[in-house]
Amino acid sequence: MYWQFLQSQKGPHPPGLEEYFQEVFLHNPWFDSSIRSLVYEDGSRIVGFQGVVPRPMFMNGRAIQAAFGSSLVVHPESRATLAGLKLLVAFMDGKQDVAMTDTSNRLNQQLWERLGGSTSAAYGMKWARPLRPGLYGLYTMSRLGKERFSGAVSHLCGVLQETINVVAARIPRGHLRRPPDDVTEEELEIDTLLRSCLPGTSECYSLRPEYNRESLRWLLDFMSRMKAFGNLRKVVLRGATKEIIGWFIYYAKCGGIADVVQMEAAKFHMNKVLDYLFWDAWNRGAIGVQGRLEIRYAQELSEARCFFWGSVPLLLRTRNPELARLVQRGDACISRLDGEWCLRYGAPGHEGASAALDLASKQESNPETTKKLAPSNFQPSQPLQPKAAE
């Protein structure tokens, strides 16, 4: 069902898909037998699925249990029934303290709100920074339509790309040609992330995720194997006196968009962290960088020539009014590392990029860098008596 109806793919599903479902929904380090994924059965046939992944968190120092919904899918023949609604209601009314999803769509948002859920626009803003303007423009154009461009249009796009790049070449981009001065990078190790980086990121929030060595190691290893999104880069930056001035985790994608999972900077150092991030992504062939907006860094991102847009907000349902208020006002440390976004299935796919973009990216990208893989987004489908998945 997932492969055919949620991802709209034809033919047999890839061999790794079954392993993916077992690992994410049954063998993740936060597995809780009281908060499990759900299936909907019609007789002996499974016609619906709602994935659930528990994530332990702290609210003002008190341990709570969050759960993120994922991969809600229903067989087309059963979509006229109430099965999808029952799956979603069963998830939202589960034993967790708060149910959430951070990669939803407008249809699901409307359904959540009708079922008593709420939204948090604080986690629905994104930012982007083009690195190769010509290719980025073609990528944006290709996202506007589902059909591949004709040969004539492809040729026209090629001419347009050259024109844009000629103009863009006159714009100073020295910071993309070399890393910032007095900044050195190191591989971001688990211990450094756990002891020196994440605590500083989450300490100013009333609601924050709980991490340990086991869960972080599992999560980063899992993300690194989702190659359709690129190569996972984990970098800690040090200043002239070797102090940590910032860090970032992102998917480096040659010929595509580099997606930032999470980044942080010491006080007054975000500009250097952004410059290094953009240089690193550009050096690995990315045509642009994007991420989820942290409001506290909006000024620095704006100064770095980023643009912003709104998307579907974080959806949540809780019986605790205080918990709801914390999330709604943005007082929760919920990055792409903490929700459903980082657990998406990473089978190579194609998001509708045009032939012109494919050709142009091969011409401009450095063949020595990351192997080009088309982007792939996996989001919950539209919204069938539910049963816990075995």
Protein backbone atom coordinates (compact mmCIF):
# COMPACT_ATOMS: atom_id res chain seq x y z
CA MET A 1 0.00 0.00 0.00
CA TYR A 2 2.68 2.46 0.99
CA TRP A 3 4.64 2.02 -2.22
CA GLN A 4 1.71 1.96 -4.63
CA PHE A 5 -0.77 4.35 -3.07
CA LEU A 6 1.18 6.73 -0.85
CA GLN A 7 4.19 7.07 -3.14
CA SER A 8 2.25 6.46 -6.39
CA GLN A 9 4.90 4.00 -7.61
CA LYS A 10 4.34 1.14 -10.04
CA GLY A 11 5.80 -2.36 -9.88
CA PRO A 12 7.11 -4.26 -6.86
CA HIS A 13 8.39 -2.32 -3.89
CA PRO A 14 12.17 -2.14 -3.36
CA PRO A 15 13.67 -4.85 -1.12
CA GLY A 16 14.74 -2.32 1.52
CA LEU A 17 11.22 -1.03 2.14
CA GLU A 18 10.23 -3.91 4.44
CA GLU A 19 13.43 -3.45 6.44
CA TYR A 20 12.67 0.28 6.65
CA PHE A 21 9.23 -0.32 8.19
CA GLN A 22 10.59 -2.83 10.70
CA GLU A 23 13.46 -0.59 11.74
CA VAL A 24 11.50 2.67 12.04
CA PHE A 25 8.24 1.44 13.55
CA LEU A 26 9.28 -1.71 15.47
CA HIS A 27 12.97 -1.48 16.28
CA ASN A 28 13.62 2.22 16.89
CA PRO A 29 15.36 3.03 20.23
CA TRP A 30 12.23 4.79 21.58
CA PHE A 31 9.86 1.84 20.96
CA ASP A 32 7.03 1.69 23.52
CA SER A 33 4.61 -1.26 23.42
CA SER A 34 1.82 1.00 24.71
CA ILE A 35 2.27 3.50 21.85
CA ARG A 36 2.40 1.45 18.67
CA SER A 37 1.72 1.80 14.98
CA LEU A 38 -1.82 0.95 13.85
CA VAL A 39 -3.37 -1.03 11.02
CA TYR A 40 -6.98 -1.19 9.85
CA GLU A 41 -8.33 -4.58 8.86
CA ASP A 42 -11.23 -5.38 6.57
CA GLY A 43 -11.82 -9.02 7.43
CA SER A 44 -8.40 -10.62 7.06
CA ARG A 45 -7.09 -7.91 4.74
CA ILE A 46 -5.09 -4.89 5.90
CA VAL A 47 -6.44 -1.78 4.15
CA GLY A 48 -4.93 1.02 6.22
CA PHE A 49 -1.80 1.93 8.18
CA GLN A 50 -0.79 4.69 10.59
CA GLY A 51 2.85 4.70 11.60
CA VAL A 52 3.66 5.91 15.12
CA VAL A 53 7.10 6.69 16.54
CA PRO A 54 7.37 7.62 20.27
CA ARG A 55 9.84 10.35 21.19
CA PRO A 56 10.58 11.02 24.90
CA MET A 57 10.81 14.69 25.86
CA PHE A 58 11.09 16.94 28.91
CA MET A 59 8.60 19.67 29.78
CA ASN A 60 10.03 22.05 32.38
CA GLY A 61 12.24 19.21 33.61
CA ARG A 62 9.44 16.62 33.81
CA ALA A 63 9.61 13.57 31.53
CA ILE A 64 6.73 13.25 29.06
CA GLN A 65 6.06 11.03 26.06
CA ALA A 66 5.48 12.50 22.63
CA ALA A 67 4.51 10.48 19.55
CA PHE A 68 4.88 11.44 15.90
CA GLY A 69 2.47 10.11 13.31
CA SER A 70 3.85 8.98 9.97
CA SER A 71 2.88 7.38 6.66
CA LEU A 72 -0.91 7.37 7.02
CA VAL A 73 -2.14 5.41 4.01
CA VAL A 74 -5.44 3.79 3.01
CA HIS A 75 -6.23 1.42 0.17
CA PRO A 76 -8.19 3.38 -2.48
CA GLU A 77 -11.10 0.91 -2.30
CA SER A 78 -11.52 1.73 1.41
CA ARG A 79 -11.17 5.50 1.30
CA ALA A 80 -14.94 5.97 1.14
CA THR A 81 -15.25 4.33 4.58
CA LEU A 82 -14.39 5.87 7.97
CA ALA A 83 -11.27 3.73 8.27
CA GLY A 84 -8.80 6.60 7.72
CA LEU A 85 -10.63 8.75 10.23
CA LYS A 86 -10.63 5.93 12.80
CA LEU A 87 -6.90 5.37 12.40
CA LEU A 88 -6.17 9.04 12.94
CA VAL A 89 -8.52 9.31 15.93
CA ALA A 90 -6.95 6.19 17.51
CA PHE A 91 -3.49 7.75 17.14
CA MET A 92 -4.51 11.15 18.48
CA ASP A 93 -6.27 9.55 21.48
CA GLY A 94 -3.35 7.27 22.33
CA LYS A 95 -1.45 7.03 25.63
CA GLN A 96 1.15 9.63 24.69
CA ASP A 97 1.11 13.09 26.27
CA VAL A 98 1.11 14.78 22.89
CA ALA A 99 0.60 13.55 19.32
CA MET A 100 2.35 15.47 16.56
CA THR A 101 3.32 15.40 12.91
CA ASP A 102 5.74 17.78 11.19
CA THR A 103 5.52 16.71 7.52
CA SER A 104 1.83 16.90 6.82
CA ASN A 105 -0.34 18.54 4.14
CA ARG A 106 -3.28 20.93 4.01
CA LEU A 107 -5.87 18.14 3.89
CA ASN A 108 -4.48 16.53 7.03
CA GLN A 109 -4.30 19.91 8.73
CA GLN A 110 -8.01 20.47 8.18
CA LEU A 111 -8.79 16.98 9.47
CA TRP A 112 -6.64 17.42 12.59
CA GLU A 113 -8.33 20.69 13.46
CA ARG A 114 -11.80 19.18 13.02
CA LEU A 115 -10.80 16.38 15.41
CA GLY A 116 -9.75 18.83 18.11
CA GLY A 117 -6.10 19.18 17.19
CA SER A 118 -4.23 22.46 16.88
CA THR A 119 -1.35 23.91 14.92
CA SER A 120 1.87 25.80 15.59
CA ALA A 121 2.90 28.19 12.84
CA ALA A 122 6.24 28.66 14.63
CA TYR A 123 7.39 25.40 13.03
CA GLY A 124 5.86 26.02 9.60
CA MET A 125 8.30 28.53 8.16
CA LYS A 126 11.21 27.65 5.88
CA TRP A 127 14.21 29.47 4.48
CA ALA A 128 16.30 28.96 1.36
CA ARG A 129 19.53 30.30 -0.11
CA PRO A 130 20.30 29.79 -3.83
CA LEU A 131 23.97 28.95 -4.44
CA ARG A 132 23.88 28.47 -8.23
CA PRO A 133 21.17 30.90 -9.36
CA GLY A 134 20.75 29.53 -12.90
CA LEU A 135 20.29 25.94 -11.79
CA TYR A 136 18.20 26.99 -8.82
CA GLY A 137 15.86 28.89 -11.15
CA LEU A 138 15.49 25.84 -13.39
CA TYR A 139 14.84 23.64 -10.37
CA THR A 140 12.12 26.00 -9.21
CA MET A 141 10.55 26.03 -12.66
CA SER A 142 10.61 22.25 -12.83
CA ARG A 143 8.75 22.04 -9.52
CA LEU A 144 5.85 24.00 -10.98
CA GLY A 145 4.79 21.22 -13.34
CA LYS A 146 4.72 17.44 -13.33
CA GLU A 147 5.50 16.85 -17.01
CA ARG A 148 9.01 16.84 -18.41
CA PHE A 149 9.96 19.73 -20.62
CA SER A 150 10.02 19.32 -24.39
CA GLY A 151 13.29 19.54 -26.29
CA ALA A 152 12.58 23.12 -27.37
CA VAL A 153 11.78 24.23 -23.84
CA SER A 154 14.84 22.40 -22.55
CA HIS A 155 17.00 24.31 -25.03
CA LEU A 156 15.37 27.57 -23.99
CA CYS A 157 15.99 26.76 -20.34
CA GLY A 158 19.62 26.06 -21.15
CA VAL A 159 19.96 29.50 -22.73
CA LEU A 160 18.16 31.02 -19.74
CA GLN A 161 20.51 29.26 -17.36
CA GLU A 162 23.57 30.64 -19.15
CA THR A 163 22.11 34.15 -19.09
CA ILE A 164 21.30 33.96 -15.39
CA ASN A 165 24.74 32.62 -14.56
CA VAL A 166 26.45 35.38 -16.55
CA VAL A 167 24.52 37.99 -14.57
CA ALA A 168 25.02 36.15 -11.30
CA ALA A 169 28.74 35.90 -11.94
CA ARG A 170 28.94 39.68 -11.54
CA ILE A 171 27.54 39.45 -8.02
CA PRO A 172 30.32 39.08 -5.43
CA ARG A 173 30.40 35.49 -4.20
CA GLY A 174 33.84 35.33 -2.68
CA HIS A 175 32.50 33.74 0.48
CA LEU A 176 31.41 30.75 -1.59
CA ARG A 177 34.89 30.26 -3.02
CA ARG A 178 36.66 29.91 0.33
CA PRO A 179 35.71 29.12 3.94
CA PRO A 180 35.56 31.91 6.54
CA ASP A 181 38.89 32.92 8.04
CA ASP A 182 39.92 31.53 11.44
CA VAL A 183 37.33 28.75 11.29
CA THR A 184 38.23 25.06 11.22
CA GLU A 185 35.91 22.07 10.94
CA GLU A 186 35.84 18.68 12.60
CA GLU A 187 33.59 15.67 12.23
CA LEU A 188 30.75 16.07 14.72
CA GLU A 189 31.07 13.03 16.98
CA ILE A 190 28.28 11.58 19.12
CA ASP A 191 29.91 12.61 22.40
CA THR A 192 30.48 16.17 21.24
CA LEU A 193 26.93 16.46 19.96
CA LEU A 194 25.47 14.99 23.15
CA ARG A 195 27.58 16.88 25.69
CA SER A 196 28.57 20.16 24.04
CA CYS A 197 26.08 20.94 21.27
CA LEU A 198 22.53 19.75 21.93
CA PRO A 199 22.36 20.98 25.55
CA GLY A 200 23.17 24.53 24.46
CA THR A 201 20.54 24.34 21.75
CA SER A 202 17.67 23.13 23.91
CA GLU A 203 18.36 24.74 27.30
CA CYS A 204 16.39 27.89 26.50
CA TYR A 205 13.19 25.93 25.68
CA SER A 206 10.52 24.71 28.11
CA LEU A 207 9.91 21.60 25.97
CA ARG A 208 12.92 19.71 24.66
CA PRO A 209 13.75 16.23 23.36
CA GLU A 210 15.52 13.60 25.42
CA TYR A 211 18.62 12.09 23.85
CA ASN A 212 21.21 9.52 24.84
CA ARG A 213 24.13 7.89 23.12
CA GLU A 214 22.09 4.90 21.87
CA SER A 215 19.26 6.91 20.33
CA LEU A 216 21.56 9.48 18.71
CA ARG A 217 23.80 6.81 17.24
CA TRP A 218 20.79 4.92 15.82
CA LEU A 219 19.22 8.07 14.40
CA LEU A 220 22.33 9.44 12.70
CA ASP A 221 23.21 6.01 11.30
CA PHE A 222 19.68 5.65 9.95
CA MET A 223 19.77 9.09 8.35
CA SER A 224 23.16 8.47 6.78
CA ARG A 225 21.71 5.45 4.94
CA MET A 226 18.92 7.50 3.31
CA LYS A 227 21.09 8.28 0.29
CA ALA A 228 18.27 9.66 -1.86
CA PHE A 229 18.52 12.88 0.15
CA GLY A 230 22.29 13.15 -0.28
CA ASN A 231 25.27 12.46 1.96
CA LEU A 232 24.73 13.34 5.61
CA ARG A 233 27.31 15.90 6.76
CA LYS A 234 27.92 16.37 10.49
CA VAL A 235 30.27 19.28 11.19
CA VAL A 236 31.42 21.13 14.30
CA LEU A 237 33.18 24.47 13.79
CA ARG A 238 35.95 25.86 15.98
CA GLY A 239 37.31 29.39 16.19
CA ALA A 240 40.85 30.71 16.40
CA THR A 241 41.24 29.55 20.01
CA LYS A 242 39.69 26.13 19.24
CA GLU A 243 36.44 26.90 21.04
CA ILE A 244 33.22 25.60 19.48
CA ILE A 245 31.51 28.44 17.63
CA GLY A 246 28.78 26.37 15.98
CA TRP A 247 27.71 23.17 14.29
CA PHE A 248 25.40 21.86 11.61
CA ILE A 249 23.98 18.64 10.21
CA TYR A 250 22.72 18.60 6.66
CA TYR A 251 22.30 16.50 3.54
CA ALA A 252 24.86 17.49 0.92
CA LYS A 253 23.41 16.84 -2.51
CA CYS A 254 25.40 17.39 -5.68
CA GLY A 255 23.16 18.94 -8.33
CA GLY A 256 20.26 19.29 -5.87
CA ILE A 257 19.05 21.14 -2.81
CA ALA A 258 21.02 20.71 0.42
CA ASP A 259 18.58 20.20 3.32
CA VAL A 260 19.65 21.43 6.75
CA VAL A 261 18.60 19.11 9.57
CA GLN A 262 19.78 21.32 12.42
CA MET A 263 22.33 24.05 13.04
CA GLU A 264 23.41 26.16 15.98
CA ALA A 265 25.90 28.89 16.74
CA ALA A 266 27.51 30.49 19.76
CA LYS A 267 26.53 34.09 20.44
CA PHE A 268 27.53 36.47 17.64
CA HIS A 269 28.82 33.61 15.44
CA MET A 270 25.80 32.61 13.33
CA ASN A 271 27.03 34.66 10.36
CA LYS A 272 30.25 32.64 10.26
CA VAL A 273 28.36 29.37 10.66
CA LEU A 274 26.08 30.27 7.74
CA ASP A 275 29.02 31.34 5.56
CA TYR A 276 30.77 28.03 6.26
CA LEU A 277 27.60 26.03 5.63
CA PHE A 278 27.01 27.75 2.28
CA TRP A 279 30.63 27.30 1.26
CA ASP A 280 30.56 23.63 2.24
CA ALA A 281 27.33 22.95 0.33
CA TRP A 282 28.51 24.91 -2.71
CA ASN A 283 31.83 23.05 -2.71
CA ARG A 284 29.89 19.77 -2.82
CA GLY A 285 27.85 20.75 -5.84
CA ALA A 286 24.57 21.87 -4.24
CA ILE A 287 22.51 24.40 -6.19
CA GLY A 288 20.86 25.75 -3.02
CA VAL A 289 20.42 25.26 0.71
CA GLN A 290 17.17 25.19 2.66
CA GLY A 291 15.93 24.46 6.17
CA ARG A 292 13.25 25.05 8.76
CA LEU A 293 13.28 28.57 10.13
CA GLU A 294 14.35 29.22 13.71
CA ILE A 295 12.84 32.63 14.42
CA ARG A 296 15.77 33.65 16.62
CA TYR A 297 18.05 33.41 13.58
CA ALA A 298 15.77 35.21 11.10
CA GLN A 299 17.92 38.35 11.04
CA GLU A 300 21.16 36.50 10.31
CA LEU A 301 19.47 34.42 7.59
CA SER A 302 18.03 37.55 6.01
CA GLU A 303 21.45 39.24 6.05
CA ALA A 304 22.83 36.13 4.31
CA ARG A 305 20.41 36.75 1.38
CA CYS A 306 18.01 33.95 2.30
CA PHE A 307 14.32 34.13 1.50
CA PHE A 308 11.43 32.75 3.53
CA TRP A 309 8.08 31.09 2.89
CA GLY A 310 5.34 29.40 4.86
CA SER A 311 4.40 25.72 4.72
CA VAL A 312 2.04 23.43 6.63
CA PRO A 313 2.53 24.09 10.37
CA LEU A 314 3.31 21.52 13.02
CA LEU A 315 0.12 19.62 13.94
CA LEU A 316 -0.49 18.55 17.53
CA ARG A 317 -3.11 17.08 19.84
CA THR A 318 -2.77 17.01 23.62
CA ARG A 319 -5.03 16.94 26.66
CA ASN A 320 -2.57 19.21 28.50
CA PRO A 321 -3.40 22.92 27.86
CA GLU A 322 0.00 24.09 29.14
CA LEU A 323 1.82 21.72 26.79
CA ALA A 324 -0.28 22.94 23.88
CA ARG A 325 0.52 26.58 24.69
CA LEU A 326 4.26 25.86 24.84
CA VAL A 327 4.30 24.37 21.35
CA GLN A 328 1.93 26.96 19.87
CA ARG A 329 4.10 29.86 20.97
CA GLY A 330 7.31 28.22 19.77
CA ASP A 331 8.70 27.37 23.22
CA ALA A 332 9.64 23.84 22.15
CA CYS A 333 12.94 22.59 20.75
CA ILE A 334 11.60 20.62 17.80
CA SER A 335 14.01 20.59 14.88
CA ARG A 336 14.09 18.30 11.86
CA LEU A 337 16.18 15.97 14.02
CA ASP A 338 13.34 15.48 16.47
CA GLY A 339 10.21 14.62 14.46
CA GLU A 340 9.04 12.67 11.46
CA TRP A 341 11.10 14.57 8.88
CA CYS A 342 14.36 12.74 9.70
CA LEU A 343 12.67 9.31 9.43
CA ARG A 344 11.40 9.61 5.85
CA TYR A 345 12.01 6.74 3.48
CA GLY A 346 15.01 7.46 1.29
CA ALA A 347 14.46 5.43 -1.87
CA PRO A 348 15.84 7.20 -4.95
CA GLY A 349 13.01 9.03 -6.65
CA HIS A 350 12.34 11.96 -8.90
CA GLU A 351 10.47 15.08 -7.88
CA GLY A 352 9.71 16.22 -11.38
CA ALA A 353 13.00 17.91 -12.22
CA SER A 354 13.22 18.67 -15.88
CA ALA A 355 15.55 17.22 -18.47
CA ALA A 356 17.10 20.64 -18.78
CA LEU A 357 17.89 20.68 -15.07
CA ASP A 358 19.31 17.14 -15.23
CA LEU A 359 21.63 18.13 -18.06
CA ALA A 360 22.60 21.47 -16.56
CA SER A 361 23.38 20.01 -13.16
CA LYS A 362 25.66 17.40 -14.73
CA GLN A 363 27.50 20.14 -16.59
CA GLU A 364 28.03 22.42 -13.62
CA SER A 365 28.41 19.99 -10.71
CA ASN A 366 31.81 18.69 -9.70
CA PRO A 367 31.99 14.98 -10.68
CA GLU A 368 34.39 14.37 -7.80
CA THR A 369 31.76 15.27 -5.20
CA THR A 370 28.62 13.52 -4.00
CA LYS A 371 26.90 11.25 -6.52
CA LYS A 372 23.77 12.90 -7.86
CA LEU A 373 20.50 11.42 -6.58
CA ALA A 374 17.15 13.05 -7.29
CA PRO A 375 15.30 14.51 -4.28
CA SER A 376 12.54 12.46 -2.71
CA ASN A 377 9.90 13.77 -0.31
CA PHE A 378 7.70 11.36 1.62
CA GLN A 379 4.75 12.88 3.44
CA PRO A 380 1.63 11.47 5.07
CA SER A 381 -1.19 10.74 2.64
CA GLN A 382 -4.79 11.86 2.95
CA PRO A 383 -6.68 10.48 5.47
CA LEU A 384 -9.65 3.31 8.01
CA GLN A 385 -11.57 -0.33 13.69
CA PRO A 386 -7.67 0.18 14.19
CA LYS A 387 -5.35 -2.51 15.53
CA ALA A 388 -1.79 -2.22 16.79
CA ALA A 389 0.76 -3.33 14.22
CA GLU A 390 2.53 -6.53 15.16
